[in-house]
Protein backbone atom coordinates (compact mmCIF):
# COMPACT_ATOMS: atom_id res chain seq x y z
CA UNK A 1 4.12 -9.79 25.69
CA UNK A 2 0.93 -10.34 23.68
CA UNK A 3 1.04 -13.20 21.19
CA UNK A 4 -1.10 -13.53 18.10
CA UNK A 5 -2.28 -16.27 15.78
CA UNK A 6 -2.30 -15.31 12.13
CA UNK A 7 -4.21 -16.61 9.10
CA UNK A 8 -3.59 -15.06 5.69
CA UNK A 9 -6.50 -15.77 3.39
CA UNK A 10 -5.94 -16.46 -0.28
CA UNK A 11 -8.60 -15.26 -2.71
CA UNK A 12 -9.09 -14.36 -6.34
CA UNK A 13 -7.81 -11.04 -7.62
CA UNK A 14 -10.14 -8.16 -6.77
CA UNK A 15 -10.72 -6.52 -10.12
CA UNK A 16 -12.68 -3.32 -10.74
CA UNK A 17 -16.35 -3.59 -9.86
CA UNK A 18 -15.91 -6.60 -7.57
CA UNK A 19 -18.24 -6.74 -4.57
CA UNK A 20 -15.45 -6.61 -2.02
CA UNK A 21 -17.89 -6.86 0.92
CA UNK A 22 -19.28 -10.20 -0.28
CA UNK A 23 -15.78 -11.46 -1.10
CA UNK A 24 -14.59 -10.65 2.42
CA UNK A 25 -17.62 -12.36 3.98
CA UNK A 26 -17.22 -15.54 1.93
CA UNK A 27 -13.49 -15.75 2.57
CA UNK A 28 -13.58 -15.30 6.34
CA UNK A 29 -16.88 -17.09 7.06
CA UNK A 30 -15.31 -20.38 8.21
CA UNK A 31 -12.55 -18.93 10.34
CA UNK A 32 -13.55 -15.61 11.87
CA UNK A 33 -14.37 -15.39 15.58
CA UNK A 34 -15.53 -12.67 17.91
CA UNK A 35 -12.80 -10.14 18.79
CA UNK A 36 -10.66 -11.04 15.78
CA UNK A 37 -8.80 -8.37 13.86
CA UNK A 38 -9.72 -8.41 10.16
CA UNK A 39 -6.91 -6.76 8.23
CA UNK A 40 -7.65 -5.68 4.65
CA UNK A 41 -5.30 -4.28 2.00
CA UNK A 42 -6.02 -0.72 0.94
CA UNK A 43 -4.75 -1.50 -2.57
CA UNK A 44 -7.22 -4.38 -3.02
CA UNK A 45 -10.13 -2.24 -1.83
CA UNK A 46 -9.20 0.72 -3.99
CA UNK A 47 -8.81 -1.49 -7.08
CA UNK A 48 -12.20 -3.13 -6.49
CA UNK A 49 -13.75 0.34 -6.29
CA UNK A 50 -12.20 1.31 -9.62
CA UNK A 51 -10.15 3.98 -7.89
CA UNK A 52 -7.28 4.06 -10.36
CA UNK A 53 -5.91 6.10 -13.27
CA UNK A 54 -4.63 5.03 -16.69
CA UNK A 55 -1.33 6.85 -17.12
CA UNK A 56 -1.43 6.36 -20.89
CA UNK A 57 -4.16 9.02 -20.99
CA UNK A 58 -2.04 11.63 -19.21
CA UNK A 59 -0.67 14.78 -20.89
CA UNK A 60 2.81 15.40 -19.50
CA UNK A 61 4.09 18.79 -18.29
CA UNK A 62 7.65 20.07 -18.41
CA UNK A 63 7.85 19.77 -14.63
CA UNK A 64 7.09 16.05 -14.76
CA UNK A 65 9.74 15.54 -17.46
CA UNK A 66 12.40 17.36 -15.44
CA UNK A 67 11.59 15.36 -12.31
CA UNK A 68 11.82 12.07 -14.23
CA UNK A 69 15.02 12.87 -16.08
CA UNK A 70 16.96 14.79 -13.42
CA UNK A 71 15.49 14.22 -9.96
CA UNK A 72 14.81 10.51 -10.30
CA UNK A 73 17.86 9.46 -12.31
CA UNK A 74 20.46 11.76 -10.78
CA UNK A 75 19.32 12.82 -7.30
CA UNK A 76 17.73 9.52 -6.27
CA UNK A 77 20.06 7.36 -8.37
CA UNK A 78 23.33 8.90 -7.17
CA UNK A 79 22.62 10.70 -3.89
CA UNK A 80 19.40 9.97 -2.02
CA UNK A 81 19.45 6.27 -2.83
CA UNK A 82 22.72 5.88 -0.94
CA UNK A 83 21.50 8.00 1.97
CA UNK A 84 18.47 5.69 2.20
CA UNK A 85 20.68 2.57 2.07
CA UNK A 86 19.11 1.19 -1.10
CA UNK A 87 20.45 -2.02 -2.62
CA UNK A 88 22.40 -2.10 -5.88
CA UNK A 89 19.42 -3.36 -7.91
CA UNK A 90 17.16 -0.48 -6.89
CA UNK A 91 19.94 2.06 -7.40
CA UNK A 92 20.45 0.75 -10.93
CA UNK A 93 16.72 0.90 -11.66
CA UNK A 94 16.55 4.50 -10.47
CA UNK A 95 19.48 5.48 -12.67
CA UNK A 96 17.60 3.95 -15.61
CA UNK A 97 14.26 5.48 -14.61
CA UNK A 98 12.02 5.46 -17.73
CA UNK A 99 11.61 8.99 -19.06
CA UNK A 100 8.37 8.63 -21.03
CA UNK A 101 6.42 6.31 -18.70
CA UNK A 102 8.02 7.93 -15.67
CA UNK A 103 6.98 11.41 -16.78
CA UNK A 104 3.36 10.26 -17.12
CA UNK A 105 3.50 8.74 -13.66
CA UNK A 106 4.97 11.91 -12.15
CA UNK A 107 2.28 13.97 -13.86
CA UNK A 108 -0.40 11.86 -12.16
CA UNK A 109 1.28 12.50 -8.81
CA UNK A 110 1.42 16.23 -9.54
CA UNK A 111 -2.31 16.25 -10.28
CA UNK A 112 -3.43 13.95 -7.48
CA UNK A 113 -1.03 14.62 -4.61
CA UNK A 114 1.01 17.73 -5.38
CA UNK A 115 4.59 18.71 -6.13
CA UNK A 116 6.31 17.59 -2.91
CA UNK A 117 4.95 14.05 -3.12
CA UNK A 118 6.20 13.87 -6.70
CA UNK A 119 9.75 14.00 -5.38
CA UNK A 120 9.35 10.60 -3.73
CA UNK A 121 10.83 7.65 -5.65
CA UNK A 122 7.82 5.30 -5.36
CA UNK A 123 4.29 5.05 -3.92
CA UNK A 124 4.18 8.84 -4.10
CA UNK A 125 1.26 10.18 -2.10
CA UNK A 126 0.09 6.59 -1.62
CA UNK A 127 -0.27 6.20 -5.40
CA UNK A 128 1.13 2.90 -6.62
CA UNK A 129 1.19 0.73 -9.74
CA UNK A 130 2.18 -2.62 -8.23
CA UNK A 131 -0.40 -5.42 -8.59
CA UNK A 132 -2.15 -3.48 -11.36
CA UNK A 133 -2.02 -4.10 -15.12
CA UNK A 134 -0.87 -1.99 -18.05
CA UNK A 135 -0.16 1.64 -17.10
CA UNK A 136 -2.76 1.80 -14.32
CA UNK A 137 -1.93 3.20 -10.90
CA UNK A 138 -4.09 2.91 -7.80
CA UNK A 139 -5.14 5.99 -5.83
CA UNK A 140 -5.55 6.04 -2.03
CA UNK A 141 -9.01 5.50 -0.57
CA UNK A 142 -10.91 8.78 -0.30
CA UNK A 143 -12.62 7.89 3.00
CA UNK A 144 -10.91 4.84 4.50
CA UNK A 145 -12.64 5.16 7.89
CA UNK A 146 -16.05 4.94 6.22
CA UNK A 147 -14.93 1.86 4.28
CA UNK A 148 -13.57 0.18 7.43
CA UNK A 149 -16.84 0.81 9.26
CA UNK A 150 -18.81 -0.53 6.30
CA UNK A 151 -16.81 -3.78 6.30
CA UNK A 152 -17.19 -4.12 10.07
CA UNK A 153 -20.95 -3.62 9.86
CA UNK A 154 -21.28 -6.17 7.04
CA UNK A 155 -19.40 -8.81 9.05
CA UNK A 156 -21.54 -8.14 12.10
CA UNK A 157 -24.80 -8.32 10.16
CA UNK A 158 -23.97 -11.34 7.99
CA UNK A 159 -21.82 -13.46 10.31
CA UNK A 160 -22.92 -12.16 13.72
CA UNK A 161 -19.30 -11.63 14.69
CA UNK A 162 -17.94 -8.60 16.45
CA UNK A 163 -14.54 -7.82 14.97
CA UNK A 164 -12.20 -4.89 14.50
CA UNK A 165 -11.37 -4.04 10.89
CA UNK A 166 -8.06 -2.40 10.07
CA UNK A 167 -7.24 -1.16 6.57
CA UNK A 168 -3.50 -1.26 5.99
CA UNK A 169 -1.09 0.16 3.44
CA UNK A 170 2.41 -1.18 2.86
CA UNK A 171 3.90 2.34 3.03
CA UNK A 172 5.91 2.46 6.24
CA UNK A 173 5.42 4.28 9.50
CA UNK A 174 8.69 5.15 11.24
CA UNK A 175 9.10 5.32 14.99
CA UNK A 176 11.47 7.50 17.01
CA UNK A 177 10.96 6.70 20.68
CA UNK A 178 7.19 7.22 21.07
CA UNK A 179 6.76 9.42 17.99
CA UNK A 180 5.29 7.70 14.93
CA UNK A 181 5.35 9.36 11.51
CA UNK A 182 4.68 8.34 7.92
CA UNK A 183 4.78 9.78 4.39
CA UNK A 184 1.29 8.36 3.77
CA UNK A 185 -1.37 11.04 3.40
CA UNK A 186 -3.96 9.31 5.63
CA UNK A 187 -3.51 7.36 8.83
CA UNK A 188 -4.96 6.72 12.27
CA UNK A 189 -4.79 9.02 15.28
CA UNK A 190 -1.37 8.87 16.91
CA UNK A 191 0.56 8.52 13.64
CA UNK A 192 1.66 11.81 12.13
CA UNK A 193 1.34 12.22 8.37
CA UNK A 194 4.01 14.74 7.45
CA UNK A 195 6.80 15.59 5.13
CA UNK A 196 6.18 13.25 2.20
CA UNK A 197 9.50 12.18 0.73
CA UNK A 198 11.45 14.00 3.45
CA UNK A 199 9.76 11.83 6.09
CA UNK A 200 10.75 8.76 4.11
CA UNK A 201 14.32 10.04 3.72
CA UNK A 202 14.71 10.69 7.45
CA UNK A 203 13.26 7.33 8.43
CA UNK A 204 15.44 5.39 5.99
CA UNK A 205 18.61 7.40 6.56
CA UNK A 206 18.43 6.97 10.35
CA UNK A 207 17.39 3.32 10.01
CA UNK A 208 14.44 3.89 12.32
CA UNK A 209 12.08 1.07 13.23
CA UNK A 210 9.40 0.78 10.57
CA UNK A 211 6.07 -0.97 10.26
CA UNK A 212 3.25 -1.05 7.73
CA UNK A 213 0.76 1.77 8.14
CA UNK A 214 -2.78 1.33 9.52
CA UNK A 215 -4.83 3.99 7.75
CA UNK A 216 -8.29 3.31 9.21
CA UNK A 217 -9.99 1.29 11.95
CA UNK A 218 -13.63 0.20 12.05
CA UNK A 219 -15.64 -1.44 14.82
CA UNK A 220 -13.69 -0.20 17.83
CA UNK A 221 -10.57 1.52 19.02
CA UNK A 222 -7.01 0.22 19.08
CA UNK A 223 -4.06 2.03 20.58
CA UNK A 224 -1.47 3.12 18.05
CA UNK A 225 1.27 0.77 19.24
CA UNK A 226 -0.95 -2.31 18.93
CA UNK A 227 -2.36 -1.15 15.58
CA UNK A 228 1.17 -0.85 14.18
CA UNK A 229 2.16 -4.29 15.49
CA UNK A 230 -0.95 -5.94 14.05
CA UNK A 231 -0.60 -4.13 10.73
CA UNK A 232 2.99 -5.26 10.39
CA UNK A 233 2.20 -8.87 11.29
CA UNK A 234 -0.51 -8.87 8.63
CA UNK A 235 1.78 -7.35 6.01
CA UNK A 236 4.43 -10.01 6.60
CA UNK A 237 1.82 -12.78 6.44
CA UNK A 238 0.34 -11.41 3.22
CA UNK A 239 3.64 -10.95 1.41
CA UNK A 240 4.20 -8.59 -1.50
CA UNK A 241 1.84 -10.17 -4.01
CA UNK A 242 3.54 -10.28 -7.37
CA UNK A 243 6.33 -8.00 -6.20
CA UNK A 244 6.91 -4.90 -4.07
CA UNK A 245 7.42 -2.66 -7.13
CA UNK A 246 6.25 -2.46 -10.73
CA UNK A 247 9.76 -3.50 -11.79
CA UNK A 248 9.56 -6.68 -9.71
CA UNK A 249 6.09 -7.49 -10.98
CA UNK A 250 7.14 -7.08 -14.61
CA UNK A 251 10.23 -9.19 -14.00
CA UNK A 252 8.09 -11.96 -12.52
CA UNK A 253 6.05 -12.20 -15.73
CA UNK A 254 9.05 -11.46 -17.95
CA UNK A 255 7.27 -8.56 -19.70
CA UNK A 256 7.61 -4.78 -19.86
CA UNK A 257 6.36 -2.58 -17.04
CA UNK A 258 3.15 -1.71 -18.92
CA UNK A 259 2.54 -5.13 -20.51
CA UNK A 260 0.92 -6.97 -17.60
CA UNK A 261 -2.72 -7.83 -18.32
CA UNK A 262 -5.80 -8.35 -16.15
CA UNK A 263 -5.67 -12.02 -17.14
CA UNK A 264 -2.15 -12.41 -15.76
CA UNK A 265 -3.23 -10.88 -12.47
CA UNK A 266 -6.38 -13.00 -12.23
CA UNK A 267 -4.36 -16.20 -12.69
CA UNK A 268 -2.42 -15.36 -9.55
CA UNK A 269 -3.80 -15.98 -6.06
CA UNK A 270 -3.75 -12.96 -3.75
CA UNK A 271 -3.87 -12.51 0.01
CA UNK A 272 -5.70 -9.23 0.61
CA UNK A 273 -7.23 -10.40 3.93
CA UNK A 274 -5.49 -11.50 7.11
CA UNK A 275 -7.21 -12.69 10.30
CA UNK A 276 -5.32 -12.00 13.52
CA UNK A 277 -6.36 -13.27 16.93
CA UNK A 278 -4.88 -12.52 20.32
CA UNK A 279 -3.72 -15.70 22.05
CA UNK A 280 -4.96 -16.25 25.56
CA UNK A 281 -2.10 -17.36 27.82
């Protein structure tokens, strides 16, 4: 069995317009070695690129209102939540799903990802508001493979180190025997992106093995099994930042869901980069 050494790297919050390439270089300079895996959070990259939407600017449709009031509160709160083995706290939160803010959020999902992704309870279509301020939600990277290759090339040019870069999202990939599937809209070869919320429902209901999802690899090839293992190790080492959901993040700061500021986020240390190295036995 392959063993790995892991180093999660703490850095400042990557706000919009940050030069994420320089930040990565400066943060790994002292520790990176040839053949290391450099794991980077998709959320941090997308935020630095300004790839987010302010939900306060969204005009809400009737469809979004119905989904928020009926589908989220009733279907997820009283039926699907139990099928997915949710805890009591999450069940309660779903039953109290905010109608106004929730309708805006669902409208963004309708516009960016489509109707079927809107039926998911969170991180719909890879769109997520955790670790973002106010009513902002982060969108998935448009071309994650290109970004991964760009990071790999920068590390090679600046530090003269040959590494493999993996961009990872916390959305889970489920495994049934040798079949890997995820609700995430983009992933690596060998992981099937299908079904949206139905994929999530099946994976949770059957209690299938789950790991964080590698969405792009730069600088080389990695078989799907190893990529999933490495991505999951990195996710555990990095933790959930200020909380796995917007509700948890707001609770941490003791404010409303849309009352978290950039300043609050920047006062908190983040771990968007993880270095993983195979141990030689």
